[in-house]
PDB file of N, CA and C in Angstrom:
ATOM      1  N   MET A   1     -11.443  30.462  15.968  1.00  0.00           N
ATOM      2  CA  MET A   1     -12.304  29.827  14.987  1.00  0.00           C
ATOM      3  C   MET A   1     -11.484  29.570  13.724  1.00  0.00           C
ATOM      4  N   SER A   2     -11.476  28.359  13.249  1.00  0.00           N
ATOM      5  CA  SER A   2     -10.546  27.944  12.205  1.00  0.00           C
ATOM      6  C   SER A   2     -10.757  28.624  10.857  1.00  0.00           C
ATOM      7  N   ASP A   3     -11.976  29.003  10.508  1.00  0.00           N
ATOM      8  CA  ASP A   3     -12.210  29.602   9.200  1.00  0.00           C
ATOM      9  C   ASP A   3     -12.416  31.115   9.250  1.00  0.00           C
ATOM     10  N   CYS A   4     -12.142  31.734  10.377  1.00  0.00           N
ATOM     11  CA  CYS A   4     -12.338  33.178  10.534  1.00  0.00           C
ATOM     12  C   CYS A   4     -11.130  33.949   9.997  1.00  0.00           C
ATOM     13  N   LEU A   5     -11.386  34.839   9.065  1.00  0.00           N
ATOM     14  CA  LEU A   5     -10.339  35.664   8.469  1.00  0.00           C
ATOM     15  C   LEU A   5      -9.537  36.416   9.534  1.00  0.00           C
ATOM     16  N   PHE A   6     -10.229  37.054  10.479  1.00  0.00           N
ATOM     17  CA  PHE A   6      -9.527  37.857  11.477  1.00  0.00           C
ATOM     18  C   PHE A   6      -8.763  36.984  12.465  1.00  0.00           C
ATOM     19  N   CYS A   7      -9.270  35.810  12.793  1.00  0.00           N
ATOM     20  CA  CYS A   7      -8.518  34.888  13.651  1.00  0.00           C
ATOM     21  C   CYS A   7      -7.218  34.479  12.955  1.00  0.00           C
ATOM     22  N   LYS A   8      -7.288  34.248  11.645  1.00  0.00           N
ATOM     23  CA  LYS A   8      -6.099  33.882  10.891  1.00  0.00           C
ATOM     24  C   LYS A   8      -5.088  35.024  10.876  1.00  0.00           C
ATOM     25  N   ILE A   9      -5.554  36.262  10.829  1.00  0.00           N
ATOM     26  CA  ILE A   9      -4.639  37.406  10.920  1.00  0.00           C
ATOM     27  C   ILE A   9      -3.977  37.426  12.295  1.00  0.00           C
ATOM     28  N   CYS A  10      -4.759  37.220  13.346  1.00  0.00           N
ATOM     29  CA  CYS A  10      -4.204  37.191  14.709  1.00  0.00           C
ATOM     30  C   CYS A  10      -3.152  36.099  14.855  1.00  0.00           C
ATOM     31  N   GLU A  11      -3.378  34.963  14.212  1.00  0.00           N
ATOM     32  CA  GLU A  11      -2.466  33.827  14.294  1.00  0.00           C
ATOM     33  C   GLU A  11      -1.260  33.963  13.367  1.00  0.00           C
ATOM     34  N   GLY A  12      -1.235  34.993  12.535  1.00  0.00           N
ATOM     35  CA  GLY A  12      -0.139  35.188  11.601  1.00  0.00           C
ATOM     36  C   GLY A  12      -0.233  34.323  10.356  1.00  0.00           C
ATOM     37  N   LYS A  13      -1.373  33.680  10.136  1.00  0.00           N
ATOM     38  CA  LYS A  13      -1.560  32.821   8.967  1.00  0.00           C
ATOM     39  C   LYS A  13      -1.900  33.617   7.711  1.00  0.00           C
ATOM     40  N   ILE A  14      -2.417  34.829   7.900  1.00  0.00           N
ATOM     41  CA  ILE A  14      -2.707  35.739   6.798  1.00  0.00           C
ATOM     42  C   ILE A  14      -1.971  37.041   7.105  1.00  0.00           C
ATOM     43  N   PRO A  15      -1.201  37.563   6.149  1.00  0.00           N
ATOM     44  CA  PRO A  15      -0.468  38.799   6.424  1.00  0.00           C
ATOM     45  C   PRO A  15      -1.395  40.003   6.554  1.00  0.00           C
ATOM     46  N   ALA A  16      -0.986  40.932   7.380  1.00  0.00           N
ATOM     47  CA  ALA A  16      -1.704  42.197   7.560  1.00  0.00           C
ATOM     48  C   ALA A  16      -0.700  43.241   8.027  1.00  0.00           C
ATOM     49  N   ALA A  17      -1.032  44.502   7.778  1.00  0.00           N
ATOM     50  CA  ALA A  17      -0.191  45.610   8.246  1.00  0.00           C
ATOM     51  C   ALA A  17      -0.587  45.909   9.688  1.00  0.00           C
ATOM     52  N   ILE A  18      -0.008  45.148  10.612  1.00  0.00           N
ATOM     53  CA  ILE A  18      -0.320  45.256  12.036  1.00  0.00           C
ATOM     54  C   ILE A  18       0.234  46.575  12.577  1.00  0.00           C
ATOM     55  N   THR A  19      -0.619  47.323  13.269  1.00  0.00           N
ATOM     56  CA  THR A  19      -0.206  48.603  13.847  1.00  0.00           C
ATOM     57  C   THR A  19      -0.208  48.578  15.370  1.00  0.00           C
ATOM     58  N   TYR A  20      -0.822  47.544  15.944  1.00  0.00           N
ATOM     59  CA  TYR A  20      -0.874  47.415  17.402  1.00  0.00           C
ATOM     60  C   TYR A  20      -1.138  45.953  17.738  1.00  0.00           C
ATOM     61  N   ARG A  21      -0.486  45.483  18.800  1.00  0.00           N
ATOM     62  CA  ARG A  21      -0.751  44.131  19.293  1.00  0.00           C
ATOM     63  C   ARG A  21      -0.380  44.065  20.768  1.00  0.00           C
ATOM     64  N   ASP A  22      -1.264  43.464  21.526  1.00  0.00           N
ATOM     65  CA  ASP A  22      -0.951  43.097  22.895  1.00  0.00           C
ATOM     66  C   ASP A  22      -1.582  41.736  23.154  1.00  0.00           C
ATOM     67  N   GLU A  23      -1.737  41.340  24.397  1.00  0.00           N
ATOM     68  CA  GLU A  23      -2.246  40.001  24.702  1.00  0.00           C
ATOM     69  C   GLU A  23      -3.736  39.829  24.405  1.00  0.00           C
ATOM     70  N   GLU A  24      -4.476  40.936  24.182  1.00  0.00           N
ATOM     71  CA  GLU A  24      -5.921  40.859  23.967  1.00  0.00           C
ATOM     72  C   GLU A  24      -6.411  41.450  22.655  1.00  0.00           C
ATOM     73  N   VAL A  25      -5.638  42.362  22.075  1.00  0.00           N
ATOM     74  CA  VAL A  25      -6.113  43.183  20.963  1.00  0.00           C
ATOM     75  C   VAL A  25      -5.078  43.236  19.837  1.00  0.00           C
ATOM     76  N   VAL A  26      -5.569  43.241  18.612  1.00  0.00           N
ATOM     77  CA  VAL A  26      -4.732  43.468  17.429  1.00  0.00           C
ATOM     78  C   VAL A  26      -5.400  44.558  16.598  1.00  0.00           C
ATOM     79  N   ALA A  27      -4.587  45.429  16.019  1.00  0.00           N
ATOM     80  CA  ALA A  27      -5.088  46.446  15.095  1.00  0.00           C
ATOM     81  C   ALA A  27      -4.261  46.364  13.819  1.00  0.00           C
ATOM     82  N   PHE A  28      -4.931  46.636  12.700  1.00  0.00           N
ATOM     83  CA  PHE A  28      -4.234  46.582  11.418  1.00  0.00           C
ATOM     84  C   PHE A  28      -4.954  47.482  10.419  1.00  0.00           C
ATOM     85  N   LYS A  29      -4.216  47.850   9.369  1.00  0.00           N
ATOM     86  CA  LYS A  29      -4.779  48.709   8.331  1.00  0.00           C
ATOM     87  C   LYS A  29      -5.790  47.930   7.512  1.00  0.00           C
ATOM     88  N   ASP A  30      -6.920  48.574   7.214  1.00  0.00           N
ATOM     89  CA  ASP A  30      -7.953  47.961   6.381  1.00  0.00           C
ATOM     90  C   ASP A  30      -7.432  47.833   4.952  1.00  0.00           C
ATOM     91  N   ILE A  31      -7.683  46.689   4.317  1.00  0.00           N
ATOM     92  CA  ILE A  31      -7.178  46.493   2.949  1.00  0.00           C
ATOM     93  C   ILE A  31      -8.017  47.220   1.902  1.00  0.00           C
ATOM     94  N   GLY A  32      -9.196  47.676   2.287  1.00  0.00           N
ATOM     95  CA  GLY A  32     -10.051  48.463   1.393  1.00  0.00           C
ATOM     96  C   GLY A  32     -10.449  49.744   2.093  1.00  0.00           C
ATOM     97  N   PRO A  33      -9.499  50.626   2.375  1.00  0.00           N
ATOM     98  CA  PRO A  33      -9.790  51.790   3.221  1.00  0.00           C
ATOM     99  C   PRO A  33     -10.872  52.700   2.658  1.00  0.00           C
ATOM    100  N   LYS A  34     -11.721  53.182   3.551  1.00  0.00           N
ATOM    101  CA  LYS A  34     -12.799  54.115   3.206  1.00  0.00           C
ATOM    102  C   LYS A  34     -12.444  55.547   3.593  1.00  0.00           C
ATOM    103  N   ALA A  35     -11.260  55.734   4.138  1.00  0.00           N
ATOM    104  CA  ALA A  35     -10.740  57.051   4.520  1.00  0.00           C
ATOM    105  C   ALA A  35      -9.215  56.943   4.504  1.00  0.00           C
ATOM    106  N   PRO A  36      -8.508  58.076   4.443  1.00  0.00           N
ATOM    107  CA  PRO A  36      -7.045  58.020   4.451  1.00  0.00           C
ATOM    108  C   PRO A  36      -6.478  57.243   5.653  1.00  0.00           C
ATOM    109  N   PHE A  37      -7.124  57.369   6.804  1.00  0.00           N
ATOM    110  CA  PHE A  37      -6.780  56.574   7.981  1.00  0.00           C
ATOM    111  C   PHE A  37      -7.951  55.617   8.198  1.00  0.00           C
ATOM    112  N   HIS A  38      -7.709  54.325   8.049  1.00  0.00           N
ATOM    113  CA  HIS A  38      -8.759  53.323   8.261  1.00  0.00           C
ATOM    114  C   HIS A  38      -8.096  52.073   8.818  1.00  0.00           C
ATOM    115  N   GLN A  39      -8.278  51.875  10.113  1.00  0.00           N
ATOM    116  CA  GLN A  39      -7.722  50.708  10.767  1.00  0.00           C
ATOM    117  C   GLN A  39      -8.827  49.916  11.439  1.00  0.00           C
ATOM    118  N   LEU A  40      -8.612  48.624  11.540  1.00  0.00           N
ATOM    119  CA  LEU A  40      -9.528  47.732  12.235  1.00  0.00           C
ATOM    120  C   LEU A  40      -8.895  47.353  13.570  1.00  0.00           C
ATOM    121  N   VAL A  41      -9.702  47.362  14.606  1.00  0.00           N
ATOM    122  CA  VAL A  41      -9.246  47.002  15.949  1.00  0.00           C
ATOM    123  C   VAL A  41     -10.101  45.824  16.387  1.00  0.00           C
ATOM    124  N   ILE A  42      -9.445  44.699  16.701  1.00  0.00           N
ATOM    125  CA  ILE A  42     -10.183  43.473  16.979  1.00  0.00           C
ATOM    126  C   ILE A  42      -9.682  42.797  18.250  1.00  0.00           C
ATOM    127  N   PRO A  43     -10.555  42.052  18.919  1.00  0.00           N
ATOM    128  CA  PRO A  43     -10.071  41.214  20.013  1.00  0.00           C
ATOM    129  C   PRO A  43      -9.402  39.975  19.425  1.00  0.00           C
ATOM    130  N   ILE A  44      -8.369  39.484  20.074  1.00  0.00           N
ATOM    131  CA  ILE A  44      -7.732  38.249  19.629  1.00  0.00           C
ATOM    132  C   ILE A  44      -8.694  37.080  19.830  1.00  0.00           C
ATOM    133  N   ARG A  45      -9.404  37.094  20.926  1.00  0.00           N
ATOM    134  CA  ARG A  45     -10.384  36.042  21.193  1.00  0.00           C
ATOM    135  C   ARG A  45     -11.541  36.193  20.214  1.00  0.00           C
ATOM    136  N   HIS A  46     -11.944  35.109  19.618  1.00  0.00           N
ATOM    137  CA  HIS A  46     -13.032  35.167  18.643  1.00  0.00           C
ATOM    138  C   HIS A  46     -14.371  35.418  19.335  1.00  0.00           C
ATOM    139  N   ILE A  47     -15.005  36.491  18.923  1.00  0.00           N
ATOM    140  CA  ILE A  47     -16.390  36.794  19.274  1.00  0.00           C
ATOM    141  C   ILE A  47     -17.021  37.179  17.941  1.00  0.00           C
ATOM    142  N   ALA A  48     -18.033  36.446  17.508  1.00  0.00           N
ATOM    143  CA  ALA A  48     -18.573  36.637  16.163  1.00  0.00           C
ATOM    144  C   ALA A  48     -19.244  37.991  15.963  1.00  0.00           C
ATOM    145  N   SER A  49     -19.946  38.496  16.974  1.00  0.00           N
ATOM    146  CA  SER A  49     -20.715  39.726  16.823  1.00  0.00           C
ATOM    147  C   SER A  49     -20.892  40.391  18.183  1.00  0.00           C
ATOM    148  N   LEU A  50     -21.177  41.672  18.163  1.00  0.00           N
ATOM    149  CA  LEU A  50     -21.499  42.361  19.417  1.00  0.00           C
ATOM    150  C   LEU A  50     -22.681  41.715  20.116  1.00  0.00           C
ATOM    151  N   VAL A  51     -23.567  41.095  19.353  1.00  0.00           N
ATOM    152  CA  VAL A  51     -24.730  40.419  19.919  1.00  0.00           C
ATOM    153  C   VAL A  51     -24.304  39.289  20.850  1.00  0.00           C
ATOM    154  N   GLU A  52     -23.145  38.716  20.603  1.00  0.00           N
ATOM    155  CA  GLU A  52     -22.659  37.599  21.413  1.00  0.00           C
ATOM    156  C   GLU A  52     -21.857  38.031  22.633  1.00  0.00           C
ATOM    157  N   THR A  53     -21.620  39.326  22.802  1.00  0.00           N
ATOM    158  CA  THR A  53     -20.842  39.761  23.958  1.00  0.00           C
ATOM    159  C   THR A  53     -21.645  39.612  25.245  1.00  0.00           C
ATOM    160  N   LYS A  54     -20.897  39.503  26.330  1.00  0.00           N
ATOM    161  CA  LYS A  54     -21.485  39.314  27.657  1.00  0.00           C
ATOM    162  C   LYS A  54     -20.976  40.414  28.590  1.00  0.00           C
ATOM    163  N   PRO A  55     -21.603  40.580  29.746  1.00  0.00           N
ATOM    164  CA  PRO A  55     -21.132  41.604  30.676  1.00  0.00           C
ATOM    165  C   PRO A  55     -19.640  41.490  30.994  1.00  0.00           C
ATOM    166  N   GLU A  56     -19.129  40.283  31.057  1.00  0.00           N
ATOM    167  CA  GLU A  56     -17.701  40.116  31.350  1.00  0.00           C
ATOM    168  C   GLU A  56     -16.796  40.567  30.195  1.00  0.00           C
ATOM    169  N   ASP A  57     -17.359  40.895  29.041  1.00  0.00           N
ATOM    170  CA  ASP A  57     -16.582  41.418  27.917  1.00  0.00           C
ATOM    171  C   ASP A  57     -16.464  42.943  27.945  1.00  0.00           C
ATOM    172  N   ALA A  58     -17.063  43.584  28.922  1.00  0.00           N
ATOM    173  CA  ALA A  58     -17.095  45.050  28.961  1.00  0.00           C
ATOM    174  C   ALA A  58     -15.697  45.660  28.944  1.00  0.00           C
ATOM    175  N   ALA A  59     -14.782  45.122  29.725  1.00  0.00           N
ATOM    176  CA  ALA A  59     -13.427  45.681  29.757  1.00  0.00           C
ATOM    177  C   ALA A  59     -12.733  45.512  28.409  1.00  0.00           C
ATOM    178  N   LEU A  60     -12.914  44.375  27.771  1.00  0.00           N
ATOM    179  CA  LEU A  60     -12.307  44.142  26.460  1.00  0.00           C
ATOM    180  C   LEU A  60     -12.888  45.099  25.423  1.00  0.00           C
ATOM    181  N   LEU A  61     -14.200  45.285  25.438  1.00  0.00           N
ATOM    182  CA  LEU A  61     -14.822  46.218  24.495  1.00  0.00           C
ATOM    183  C   LEU A  61     -14.330  47.636  24.729  1.00  0.00           C
ATOM    184  N   GLY A  62     -14.174  48.020  25.981  1.00  0.00           N
ATOM    185  CA  GLY A  62     -13.619  49.332  26.295  1.00  0.00           C
ATOM    186  C   GLY A  62     -12.193  49.470  25.810  1.00  0.00           C
ATOM    187  N   LYS A  63     -11.425  48.396  25.937  1.00  0.00           N
ATOM    188  CA  LYS A  63     -10.036  48.431  25.476  1.00  0.00           C
ATOM    189  C   LYS A  63      -9.967  48.613  23.962  1.00  0.00           C
ATOM    190  N   LEU A  64     -10.888  47.998  23.226  1.00  0.00           N
ATOM    191  CA  LEU A  64     -10.920  48.201  21.779  1.00  0.00           C
ATOM    192  C   LEU A  64     -11.087  49.686  21.456  1.00  0.00           C
ATOM    193  N   MET A  65     -11.984  50.362  22.180  1.00  0.00           N
ATOM    194  CA  MET A  65     -12.202  51.800  21.963  1.00  0.00           C
ATOM    195  C   MET A  65     -10.942  52.597  22.306  1.00  0.00           C
ATOM    196  N   LEU A  66     -10.298  52.262  23.410  1.00  0.00           N
ATOM    197  CA  LEU A  66      -9.081  52.974  23.806  1.00  0.00           C
ATOM    198  C   LEU A  66      -7.967  52.807  22.781  1.00  0.00           C
ATOM    199  N   VAL A  67      -7.819  51.605  22.243  1.00  0.00           N
ATOM    200  CA  VAL A  67      -6.798  51.371  21.217  1.00  0.00           C
ATOM    201  C   VAL A  67      -7.132  52.149  19.947  1.00  0.00           C
ATOM    202  N   ALA A  68      -8.390  52.143  19.537  1.00  0.00           N
ATOM    203  CA  ALA A  68      -8.782  52.913  18.351  1.00  0.00           C
ATOM    204  C   ALA A  68      -8.464  54.391  18.535  1.00  0.00           C
ATOM    205  N   SER A  69      -8.781  54.918  19.697  1.00  0.00           N
ATOM    206  CA  SER A  69      -8.510  56.327  19.990  1.00  0.00           C
ATOM    207  C   SER A  69      -7.010  56.616  19.993  1.00  0.00           C
ATOM    208  N   LYS A  70      -6.241  55.742  20.611  1.00  0.00           N
ATOM    209  CA  LYS A  70      -4.783  55.906  20.672  1.00  0.00           C
ATOM    210  C   LYS A  70      -4.179  55.925  19.270  1.00  0.00           C
ATOM    211  N   LEU A  71      -4.598  55.001  18.429  1.00  0.00           N
ATOM    212  CA  LEU A  71      -4.048  54.931  17.074  1.00  0.00           C
ATOM    213  C   LEU A  71      -4.411  56.171  16.257  1.00  0.00           C
ATOM    214  N   ALA A  72      -5.658  56.630  16.371  1.00  0.00           N
ATOM    215  CA  ALA A  72      -6.072  57.837  15.649  1.00  0.00           C
ATOM    216  C   ALA A  72      -5.290  59.052  16.146  1.00  0.00           C
ATOM    217  N   ALA A  73      -5.115  59.150  17.454  1.00  0.00           N
ATOM    218  CA  ALA A  73      -4.360  60.282  18.010  1.00  0.00           C
ATOM    219  C   ALA A  73      -2.904  60.226  17.570  1.00  0.00           C
ATOM    220  N   GLU A  74      -2.295  59.053  17.609  1.00  0.00           N
ATOM    221  CA  GLU A  74      -0.896  58.909  17.179  1.00  0.00           C
ATOM    222  C   GLU A  74      -0.722  59.244  15.699  1.00  0.00           C
ATOM    223  N   ALA A  75      -1.761  59.048  14.916  1.00  0.00           N
ATOM    224  CA  ALA A  75      -1.712  59.371  13.490  1.00  0.00           C
ATOM    225  C   ALA A  75      -1.998  60.849  13.230  1.00  0.00           C
ATOM    226  N   GLY A  76      -2.268  61.625  14.298  1.00  0.00           N
ATOM    227  CA  GLY A  76      -2.448  63.065  14.163  1.00  0.00           C
ATOM    228  C   GLY A  76      -3.879  63.544  14.028  1.00  0.00           C
ATOM    229  N   PHE A  77      -4.848  62.702  14.396  1.00  0.00           N
ATOM    230  CA  PHE A  77      -6.245  63.075  14.201  1.00  0.00           C
ATOM    231  C   PHE A  77      -6.987  63.423  15.488  1.00  0.00           C
ATOM    232  N   ALA A  78      -6.277  63.639  16.575  1.00  0.00           N
ATOM    233  CA  ALA A  78      -6.949  63.980  17.833  1.00  0.00           C
ATOM    234  C   ALA A  78      -7.693  65.310  17.722  1.00  0.00           C
ATOM    235  N   ALA A  79      -7.082  66.305  17.108  1.00  0.00           N
ATOM    236  CA  ALA A  79      -7.696  67.634  17.028  1.00  0.00           C
ATOM    237  C   ALA A  79      -8.774  67.709  15.944  1.00  0.00           C
ATOM    238  N   SER A  80      -8.504  67.132  14.782  1.00  0.00           N
ATOM    239  CA  SER A  80      -9.456  67.245  13.676  1.00  0.00           C
ATOM    240  C   SER A  80     -10.610  66.260  13.791  1.00  0.00           C
ATOM    241  N   GLY A  81     -10.406  65.168  14.489  1.00  0.00           N
ATOM    242  CA  GLY A  81     -11.462  64.211  14.746  1.00  0.00           C
ATOM    243  C   GLY A  81     -11.338  62.919  13.974  1.00  0.00           C
ATOM    244  N   PHE A  82     -12.006  61.919  14.495  1.00  0.00           N
ATOM    245  CA  PHE A  82     -12.029  60.599  13.888  1.00  0.00           C
ATOM    246  C   PHE A  82     -13.349  59.940  14.253  1.00  0.00           C
ATOM    247  N   ARG A  83     -13.656  58.864  13.566  1.00  0.00           N
ATOM    248  CA  ARG A  83     -14.885  58.115  13.819  1.00  0.00           C
ATOM    249  C   ARG A  83     -14.526  56.678  14.148  1.00  0.00           C
ATOM    250  N   VAL A  84     -15.271  56.105  15.091  1.00  0.00           N
ATOM    251  CA  VAL A  84     -15.141  54.693  15.418  1.00  0.00           C
ATOM    252  C   VAL A  84     -16.500  54.051  15.159  1.00  0.00           C
ATOM    253  N   VAL A  85     -16.502  52.987  14.339  1.00  0.00           N
ATOM    254  CA  VAL A  85     -17.738  52.333  13.928  1.00  0.00           C
ATOM    255  C   VAL A  85     -17.665  50.850  14.281  1.00  0.00           C
ATOM    256  N   ALA A  86     -18.764  50.332  14.808  1.00  0.00           N
ATOM    257  CA  ALA A  86     -18.910  48.895  15.026  1.00  0.00           C
ATOM    258  C   ALA A  86     -20.194  48.460  14.336  1.00  0.00           C
ATOM    259  N   ASN A  87     -20.087  47.510  13.440  1.00  0.00           N
ATOM    260  CA  ASN A  87     -21.250  46.970  12.752  1.00  0.00           C
ATOM    261  C   ASN A  87     -21.602  45.620  13.379  1.00  0.00           C
ATOM    262  N   ALA A  88     -22.876  45.375  13.576  1.00  0.00           N
ATOM    263  CA  ALA A  88     -23.318  44.103  14.156  1.00  0.00           C
ATOM    264  C   ALA A  88     -24.355  43.482  13.232  1.00  0.00           C
ATOM    265  N   GLY A  89     -23.941  42.467  12.505  1.00  0.00           N
ATOM    266  CA  GLY A  89     -24.850  41.759  11.619  1.00  0.00           C
ATOM    267  C   GLY A  89     -24.787  42.246  10.185  1.00  0.00           C
ATOM    268  N   PRO A  90     -25.285  41.431   9.261  1.00  0.00           N
ATOM    269  CA  PRO A  90     -25.175  41.745   7.836  1.00  0.00           C
ATOM    270  C   PRO A  90     -25.922  43.007   7.405  1.00  0.00           C
ATOM    271  N   ASP A  91     -27.071  43.289   7.977  1.00  0.00           N
ATOM    272  CA  ASP A  91     -27.800  44.499   7.589  1.00  0.00           C
ATOM    273  C   ASP A  91     -27.078  45.769   8.020  1.00  0.00           C
ATOM    274  N   ALA A  92     -26.203  45.661   9.006  1.00  0.00           N
ATOM    275  CA  ALA A  92     -25.412  46.807   9.453  1.00  0.00           C
ATOM    276  C   ALA A  92     -24.102  46.925   8.677  1.00  0.00           C
ATOM    277  N   GLY A  93     -23.796  45.932   7.857  1.00  0.00           N
ATOM    278  CA  GLY A  93     -22.572  45.976   7.070  1.00  0.00           C
ATOM    279  C   GLY A  93     -21.445  45.132   7.611  1.00  0.00           C
ATOM    280  N   GLN A  94     -21.701  44.302   8.624  1.00  0.00           N
ATOM    281  CA  GLN A  94     -20.640  43.438   9.148  1.00  0.00           C
ATOM    282  C   GLN A  94     -20.380  42.324   8.143  1.00  0.00           C
ATOM    283  N   SER A  95     -19.199  42.348   7.533  1.00  0.00           N
ATOM    284  CA  SER A  95     -18.883  41.351   6.514  1.00  0.00           C
ATOM    285  C   SER A  95     -17.976  40.241   7.028  1.00  0.00           C
ATOM    286  N   VAL A  96     -17.302  40.464   8.154  1.00  0.00           N
ATOM    287  CA  VAL A  96     -16.470  39.430   8.769  1.00  0.00           C
ATOM    288  C   VAL A  96     -17.067  39.131  10.137  1.00  0.00           C
ATOM    289  N   PRO A  97     -17.444  37.890  10.390  1.00  0.00           N
ATOM    290  CA  PRO A  97     -18.075  37.556  11.668  1.00  0.00           C
ATOM    291  C   PRO A  97     -17.063  37.430  12.806  1.00  0.00           C
ATOM    292  N   HIS A  98     -16.482  38.541  13.176  1.00  0.00           N
ATOM    293  CA  HIS A  98     -15.536  38.671  14.290  1.00  0.00           C
ATOM    294  C   HIS A  98     -15.677  40.124  14.730  1.00  0.00           C
ATOM    295  N   VAL A  99     -15.963  40.355  15.998  1.00  0.00           N
ATOM    296  CA  VAL A  99     -16.123  41.726  16.490  1.00  0.00           C
ATOM    297  C   VAL A  99     -14.933  42.572  16.040  1.00  0.00           C
ATOM    298  N   HIS A 100     -15.233  43.746  15.507  1.00  0.00           N
ATOM    299  CA  HIS A 100     -14.166  44.664  15.124  1.00  0.00           C
ATOM    300  C   HIS A 100     -14.687  46.093  15.083  1.00  0.00           C
ATOM    301  N   LEU A 101     -13.783  47.009  15.348  1.00  0.00           N
ATOM    302  CA  LEU A 101     -14.061  48.432  15.233  1.00  0.00           C
ATOM    303  C   LEU A 101     -13.324  48.972  14.021  1.00  0.00           C
ATOM    304  N   HIS A 102     -13.981  49.859  13.302  1.00  0.00           N
ATOM    305  CA  HIS A 102     -13.338  50.616  12.233  1.00  0.00           C
ATOM    306  C   HIS A 102     -12.979  51.970  12.825  1.00  0.00           C
ATOM    307  N   ALA A 103     -11.726  52.357  12.746  1.00  0.00           N
ATOM    308  CA  ALA A 103     -11.295  53.699  13.129  1.00  0.00           C
ATOM    309  C   ALA A 103     -10.981  54.431  11.826  1.00  0.00           C
ATOM    310  N   LEU A 104     -11.699  55.537  11.579  1.00  0.00           N
ATOM    311  CA  LEU A 104     -11.590  56.265  10.317  1.00  0.00           C
ATOM    312  C   LEU A 104     -11.283  57.734  10.572  1.00  0.00           C
ATOM    313  N   ALA A 105     -10.433  58.306   9.719  1.00  0.00           N
ATOM    314  CA  ALA A 105     -10.102  59.733   9.826  1.00  0.00           C
ATOM    315  C   ALA A 105      -9.393  60.171   8.553  1.00  0.00           C
ATOM    316  N   GLY A 106      -9.140  61.459   8.486  1.00  0.00           N
ATOM    317  CA  GLY A 106      -8.357  61.998   7.379  1.00  0.00           C
ATOM    318  C   GLY A 106      -9.178  62.645   6.284  1.00  0.00           C
ATOM    319  N   ARG A 107     -10.486  62.651   6.448  1.00  0.00           N
ATOM    320  CA  ARG A 107     -11.373  63.344   5.519  1.00  0.00           C
ATOM    321  C   ARG A 107     -12.648  63.680   6.284  1.00  0.00           C
ATOM    322  N   SER A 108     -13.468  64.537   5.717  1.00  0.00           N
ATOM    323  CA  SER A 108     -14.743  64.847   6.333  1.00  0.00           C
ATOM    324  C   SER A 108     -15.631  63.619   6.236  1.00  0.00           C
ATOM    325  N   LEU A 109     -16.173  63.187   7.353  1.00  0.00           N
ATOM    326  CA  LEU A 109     -17.021  62.002   7.404  1.00  0.00           C
ATOM    327  C   LEU A 109     -18.460  62.467   7.580  1.00  0.00           C
ATOM    328  N   GLY A 110     -19.250  62.279   6.560  1.00  0.00           N
ATOM    329  CA  GLY A 110     -20.629  62.778   6.566  1.00  0.00           C
ATOM    330  C   GLY A 110     -21.513  62.103   7.605  1.00  0.00           C
ATOM    331  N   TRP A 111     -22.634  62.742   7.882  1.00  0.00           N
ATOM    332  CA  TRP A 111     -23.614  62.202   8.804  1.00  0.00           C
ATOM    333  C   TRP A 111     -25.002  62.416   8.219  1.00  0.00           C
ATOM    334  N   PRO A 112     -25.898  61.519   8.248  1.00  0.00           N
ATOM    335  CA  PRO A 112     -25.743  60.202   8.873  1.00  0.00           C
ATOM    336  C   PRO A 112     -24.964  59.250   7.974  1.00  0.00           C
ATOM    337  N   PRO A 113     -24.299  58.265   8.584  1.00  0.00           N
ATOM    338  CA  PRO A 113     -23.568  57.280   7.786  1.00  0.00           C
ATOM    339  C   PRO A 113     -24.537  56.322   7.118  1.00  0.00           C
ATOM    340  N   GLY A 114     -24.042  55.607   6.122  1.00  0.00           N
ATOM    341  CA  GLY A 114     -24.833  54.547   5.500  1.00  0.00           C
ATOM    342  C   GLY A 114     -25.804  54.996   4.547  1.00  0.00           C
TER     343      GLY A 114
END
């Protein structure tokens, strides 16, 4: 999608601190971190919201979770814990219309969120 911020990051048109990339997924550090460890994990293919996903996206969605977990573990948070958040729609806090996971760690994360 030509005007999507995250698509532009995937295309290299906007700089980002990329921490992971393969043929389907990109991860990068959040520019406004809410925790000491805060990375976004996104599909390269544009999907505006979780609401738009289809059954055939199940493997890709699972891969996003696996990448988030891998990055948190590599950063040393496997034992102490981390949180993975997906927001769908503006009332949930989704500010960029491109499916993405927030992987957060490095401080106590209260419950309930929001």
